[in-house]
Amino acid sequence: MEKGFEQIISWQKARRLNTEIYRVTGNSSFGRDFALKDQIRRASISISSNIAEGYGRKTDKEFIYFLNVA
């Protein structure tokens, strides 16, 4: 079985964080500030996205760069 970025513990934790961020920002106190809600959600998504992006790069150096960005 080939390992993918989905097997990376940090990516799994980032996905759980995404779920929690969406739950928390879905309540009425965030509903009034659409820009803040959107920014927080996009920031949480960028963590898992950067891990996945880095995994797909050709070199370890590039992967490490994306892990640092995440």
C-alpha atoms as a PDB file:
ATOM      1  CA  MET A   1       0.000   0.000   0.000  1.00  0.00           C
ATOM      2  CA  GLU A   2       1.382   3.372  -1.004  1.00  0.00           C
ATOM      3  CA  LYS A   3       1.459   6.005   1.680  1.00  0.00           C
ATOM      4  CA  GLY A   4      -0.060   9.347   0.882  1.00  0.00           C
ATOM      5  CA  PHE A   5      -0.179  12.638   2.714  1.00  0.00           C
ATOM      6  CA  GLU A   6      -3.342  11.381   4.429  1.00  0.00           C
ATOM      7  CA  GLN A   7      -1.092   9.129   6.536  1.00  0.00           C
ATOM      8  CA  ILE A   8       0.804  12.111   7.988  1.00  0.00           C
ATOM      9  CA  ILE A   9      -0.265  12.682  11.598  1.00  0.00           C
ATOM     10  CA  SER A  10       0.005  16.477  11.244  1.00  0.00           C
ATOM     11  CA  TRP A  11      -2.338  16.406   8.249  1.00  0.00           C
ATOM     12  CA  GLN A  12      -4.839  14.272  10.204  1.00  0.00           C
ATOM     13  CA  LYS A  13      -4.703  16.703  13.123  1.00  0.00           C
ATOM     14  CA  ALA A  14      -5.125  19.649  10.762  1.00  0.00           C
ATOM     15  CA  ARG A  15      -8.277  18.043   9.343  1.00  0.00           C
ATOM     16  CA  ARG A  16      -9.673  17.619  12.854  1.00  0.00           C
ATOM     17  CA  LEU A  17      -8.816  21.265  13.527  1.00  0.00           C
ATOM     18  CA  ASN A  18     -10.684  22.253  10.336  1.00  0.00           C
ATOM     19  CA  THR A  19     -13.777  20.435  11.556  1.00  0.00           C
ATOM     20  CA  GLU A  20     -13.592  22.141  14.945  1.00  0.00           C
ATOM     21  CA  ILE A  21     -12.978  25.580  13.401  1.00  0.00           C
ATOM     22  CA  TYR A  22     -16.020  25.187  11.164  1.00  0.00           C
ATOM     23  CA  ARG A  23     -18.107  24.105  14.168  1.00  0.00           C
ATOM     24  CA  VAL A  24     -16.981  27.035  16.329  1.00  0.00           C
ATOM     25  CA  THR A  25     -17.277  29.661  13.599  1.00  0.00           C
ATOM     26  CA  GLY A  26     -20.721  28.375  12.675  1.00  0.00           C
ATOM     27  CA  ASN A  27     -22.265  29.711  15.882  1.00  0.00           C
ATOM     28  CA  SER A  28     -24.159  32.991  15.995  1.00  0.00           C
ATOM     29  CA  SER A  29     -21.334  35.117  17.453  1.00  0.00           C
ATOM     30  CA  PHE A  30     -19.233  34.542  14.331  1.00  0.00           C
ATOM     31  CA  GLY A  31     -22.225  34.810  12.038  1.00  0.00           C
ATOM     32  CA  ARG A  32     -22.234  38.589  12.355  1.00  0.00           C
ATOM     33  CA  ASP A  33     -18.633  39.010  11.166  1.00  0.00           C
ATOM     34  CA  PHE A  34     -18.442  37.243   7.823  1.00  0.00           C
ATOM     35  CA  ALA A  35     -14.923  38.495   7.028  1.00  0.00           C
ATOM     36  CA  LEU A  36     -13.475  37.208  10.297  1.00  0.00           C
ATOM     37  CA  LYS A  37     -15.246  33.871   9.953  1.00  0.00           C
ATOM     38  CA  ASP A  38     -13.977  33.467   6.393  1.00  0.00           C
ATOM     39  CA  GLN A  39     -10.405  34.425   7.332  1.00  0.00           C
ATOM     40  CA  ILE A  40     -10.258  31.974  10.249  1.00  0.00           C
ATOM     41  CA  ARG A  41     -11.687  29.178   8.129  1.00  0.00           C
ATOM     42  CA  ARG A  42      -9.266  29.818   5.257  1.00  0.00           C
ATOM     43  CA  ALA A  43      -6.327  29.916   7.669  1.00  0.00           C
ATOM     44  CA  SER A  44      -7.257  26.527   9.127  1.00  0.00           C
ATOM     45  CA  ILE A  45      -7.692  25.000   5.670  1.00  0.00           C
ATOM     46  CA  SER A  46      -4.284  26.296   4.593  1.00  0.00           C
ATOM     47  CA  ILE A  47      -2.544  24.061   7.150  1.00  0.00           C
ATOM     48  CA  SER A  48      -3.735  20.778   5.637  1.00  0.00           C
ATOM     49  CA  SER A  49      -3.463  22.200   2.115  1.00  0.00           C
ATOM     50  CA  ASN A  50       0.194  23.130   2.572  1.00  0.00           C
ATOM     51  CA  ILE A  51       1.026  19.707   3.981  1.00  0.00           C
ATOM     52  CA  ALA A  52      -0.629  18.043   0.984  1.00  0.00           C
ATOM     53  CA  GLU A  53       1.021  20.445  -1.470  1.00  0.00           C
ATOM     54  CA  GLY A  54       4.455  19.851   0.017  1.00  0.00           C
ATOM     55  CA  TYR A  55       3.979  16.094  -0.054  1.00  0.00           C
ATOM     56  CA  GLY A  56       3.449  16.279  -3.801  1.00  0.00           C
ATOM     57  CA  ARG A  57       6.689  18.167  -4.446  1.00  0.00           C
ATOM     58  CA  LYS A  58       9.756  16.490  -5.908  1.00  0.00           C
ATOM     59  CA  THR A  59      12.317  17.156  -3.197  1.00  0.00           C
ATOM     60  CA  ASP A  60      12.513  16.867   0.562  1.00  0.00           C
ATOM     61  CA  LYS A  61      13.667  20.489   0.683  1.00  0.00           C
ATOM     62  CA  GLU A  62      10.436  21.637  -0.974  1.00  0.00           C
ATOM     63  CA  PHE A  63       8.373  19.398   1.310  1.00  0.00           C
ATOM     64  CA  ILE A  64      10.074  20.876   4.376  1.00  0.00           C
ATOM     65  CA  TYR A  65       9.383  24.373   3.080  1.00  0.00           C
ATOM     66  CA  PHE A  66       5.657  23.640   2.822  1.00  0.00           C
ATOM     67  CA  LEU A  67       5.656  22.026   6.267  1.00  0.00           C
ATOM     68  CA  ASN A  68       7.138  25.250   7.647  1.00  0.00           C
ATOM     69  CA  VAL A  69       4.476  27.295   5.874  1.00  0.00           C
ATOM     70  CA  ALA A  70       1.783  25.026   7.299  1.00  0.00           C
END
